Amino acid sequence: MASIDLETVLDKAWADKDLAEILAAPVSALKGVSDRQGGLLEEAFGIKTVRDLADLKFARWASALAALDTTSK
């Protein structure tokens, strides 16, 4: 089972929410993502929520490619 420290990846206001709320939250709920950056993601890729970002095919492709890299491990 996967786990993650929510306080590490989410703004304080979102760290105590349940998973459904977090996935439906704007991407600015992620620590380090501003409202402006969230707006740019929406403009460029139609990303409105954390789930949308997780489902972005380009991000999945990049993660898969990075997982294949054995030189940086």
C-alpha atoms as a PDB file:
ATOM      1  CA  MET A   1       0.000   0.000   0.000  1.00  0.00           C
ATOM      2  CA  ALA A   2       1.294   3.429  -0.942  1.00  0.00           C
ATOM      3  CA  SER A   3       1.572   6.203   1.617  1.00  0.00           C
ATOM      4  CA  ILE A   4       2.524   9.857   1.633  1.00  0.00           C
ATOM      5  CA  ASP A   5       3.050  12.526   4.277  1.00  0.00           C
ATOM      6  CA  LEU A   6       0.236  14.951   3.434  1.00  0.00           C
ATOM      7  CA  GLU A   7       1.841  17.790   5.386  1.00  0.00           C
ATOM      8  CA  THR A   8       4.859  17.526   3.086  1.00  0.00           C
ATOM      9  CA  VAL A   9       2.931  17.783  -0.180  1.00  0.00           C
ATOM     10  CA  LEU A  10      -0.127  19.889   0.672  1.00  0.00           C
ATOM     11  CA  ASP A  11      -0.718  23.418   1.880  1.00  0.00           C
ATOM     12  CA  LYS A  12      -1.717  23.460   5.553  1.00  0.00           C
ATOM     13  CA  ALA A  13      -5.394  24.115   4.764  1.00  0.00           C
ATOM     14  CA  TRP A  14      -5.631  20.831   2.868  1.00  0.00           C
ATOM     15  CA  ALA A  15      -3.509  18.469   4.999  1.00  0.00           C
ATOM     16  CA  ASP A  16      -6.430  17.372   7.185  1.00  0.00           C
ATOM     17  CA  LYS A  17      -8.914  16.782   4.346  1.00  0.00           C
ATOM     18  CA  ASP A  18      -9.959  13.351   3.130  1.00  0.00           C
ATOM     19  CA  LEU A  19      -8.602  11.943  -0.116  1.00  0.00           C
ATOM     20  CA  ALA A  20     -11.737  12.703  -2.141  1.00  0.00           C
ATOM     21  CA  GLU A  21     -11.553  16.388  -1.132  1.00  0.00           C
ATOM     22  CA  ILE A  22      -7.841  16.563  -1.907  1.00  0.00           C
ATOM     23  CA  LEU A  23      -8.242  15.033  -5.366  1.00  0.00           C
ATOM     24  CA  ALA A  24     -11.074  17.490  -6.127  1.00  0.00           C
ATOM     25  CA  ALA A  25      -9.047  20.434  -4.808  1.00  0.00           C
ATOM     26  CA  PRO A  26      -7.431  23.003  -7.088  1.00  0.00           C
ATOM     27  CA  VAL A  27      -3.809  22.239  -7.928  1.00  0.00           C
ATOM     28  CA  SER A  28      -2.821  25.179  -5.743  1.00  0.00           C
ATOM     29  CA  ALA A  29      -3.620  22.875  -2.795  1.00  0.00           C
ATOM     30  CA  LEU A  30      -0.251  21.268  -3.545  1.00  0.00           C
ATOM     31  CA  LYS A  31       2.589  22.852  -1.601  1.00  0.00           C
ATOM     32  CA  GLY A  32       4.567  25.162  -3.857  1.00  0.00           C
ATOM     33  CA  VAL A  33       1.888  25.597  -6.543  1.00  0.00           C
ATOM     34  CA  SER A  34       0.482  29.129  -6.599  1.00  0.00           C
ATOM     35  CA  ASP A  35      -2.970  30.175  -7.775  1.00  0.00           C
ATOM     36  CA  ARG A  36      -1.263  31.788 -10.780  1.00  0.00           C
ATOM     37  CA  GLN A  37       0.562  28.581 -11.657  1.00  0.00           C
ATOM     38  CA  GLY A  38      -2.691  26.668 -11.255  1.00  0.00           C
ATOM     39  CA  GLY A  39      -4.305  29.085 -13.692  1.00  0.00           C
ATOM     40  CA  LEU A  40      -1.514  28.533 -16.181  1.00  0.00           C
ATOM     41  CA  LEU A  41      -1.944  24.751 -15.911  1.00  0.00           C
ATOM     42  CA  GLU A  42      -5.641  25.172 -16.580  1.00  0.00           C
ATOM     43  CA  GLU A  43      -4.978  27.445 -19.549  1.00  0.00           C
ATOM     44  CA  ALA A  44      -2.346  25.177 -21.080  1.00  0.00           C
ATOM     45  CA  PHE A  45      -3.716  21.714 -20.297  1.00  0.00           C
ATOM     46  CA  GLY A  46      -7.233  22.100 -18.884  1.00  0.00           C
ATOM     47  CA  ILE A  47      -5.960  21.076 -15.435  1.00  0.00           C
ATOM     48  CA  LYS A  48      -8.334  22.249 -12.694  1.00  0.00           C
ATOM     49  CA  THR A  49      -7.878  19.715  -9.886  1.00  0.00           C
ATOM     50  CA  VAL A  50      -5.214  17.606  -8.235  1.00  0.00           C
ATOM     51  CA  ARG A  51      -6.814  14.561  -9.919  1.00  0.00           C
ATOM     52  CA  ASP A  52      -6.607  16.262 -13.324  1.00  0.00           C
ATOM     53  CA  LEU A  53      -2.894  16.829 -12.759  1.00  0.00           C
ATOM     54  CA  ALA A  54      -2.380  13.218 -11.695  1.00  0.00           C
ATOM     55  CA  ASP A  55      -4.191  12.035 -14.820  1.00  0.00           C
ATOM     56  CA  LEU A  56      -2.231  14.283 -17.191  1.00  0.00           C
ATOM     57  CA  LYS A  57      -0.790  11.911 -19.776  1.00  0.00           C
ATOM     58  CA  PHE A  58       2.349  14.012 -20.211  1.00  0.00           C
ATOM     59  CA  ALA A  59       3.135  13.765 -16.498  1.00  0.00           C
ATOM     60  CA  ARG A  60       2.563   9.996 -16.601  1.00  0.00           C
ATOM     61  CA  TRP A  61       4.840   9.640 -19.602  1.00  0.00           C
ATOM     62  CA  ALA A  62       7.577  11.708 -17.933  1.00  0.00           C
ATOM     63  CA  SER A  63       7.300   9.643 -14.732  1.00  0.00           C
ATOM     64  CA  ALA A  64       7.551   6.411 -16.700  1.00  0.00           C
ATOM     65  CA  LEU A  65      10.633   7.651 -18.544  1.00  0.00           C
ATOM     66  CA  ALA A  66      12.267   8.779 -15.297  1.00  0.00           C
ATOM     67  CA  ALA A  67      11.576   5.354 -13.759  1.00  0.00           C
ATOM     68  CA  LEU A  68      13.568   3.777 -16.594  1.00  0.00           C
ATOM     69  CA  ASP A  69      16.637   5.907 -15.798  1.00  0.00           C
ATOM     70  CA  THR A  70      19.115   3.779 -13.915  1.00  0.00           C
ATOM     71  CA  THR A  71      21.957   6.297 -14.155  1.00  0.00           C
ATOM     72  CA  SER A  72      20.776   8.578 -11.356  1.00  0.00           C
ATOM     73  CA  LYS A  73      20.104   5.875  -8.777  1.00  0.00           C
END
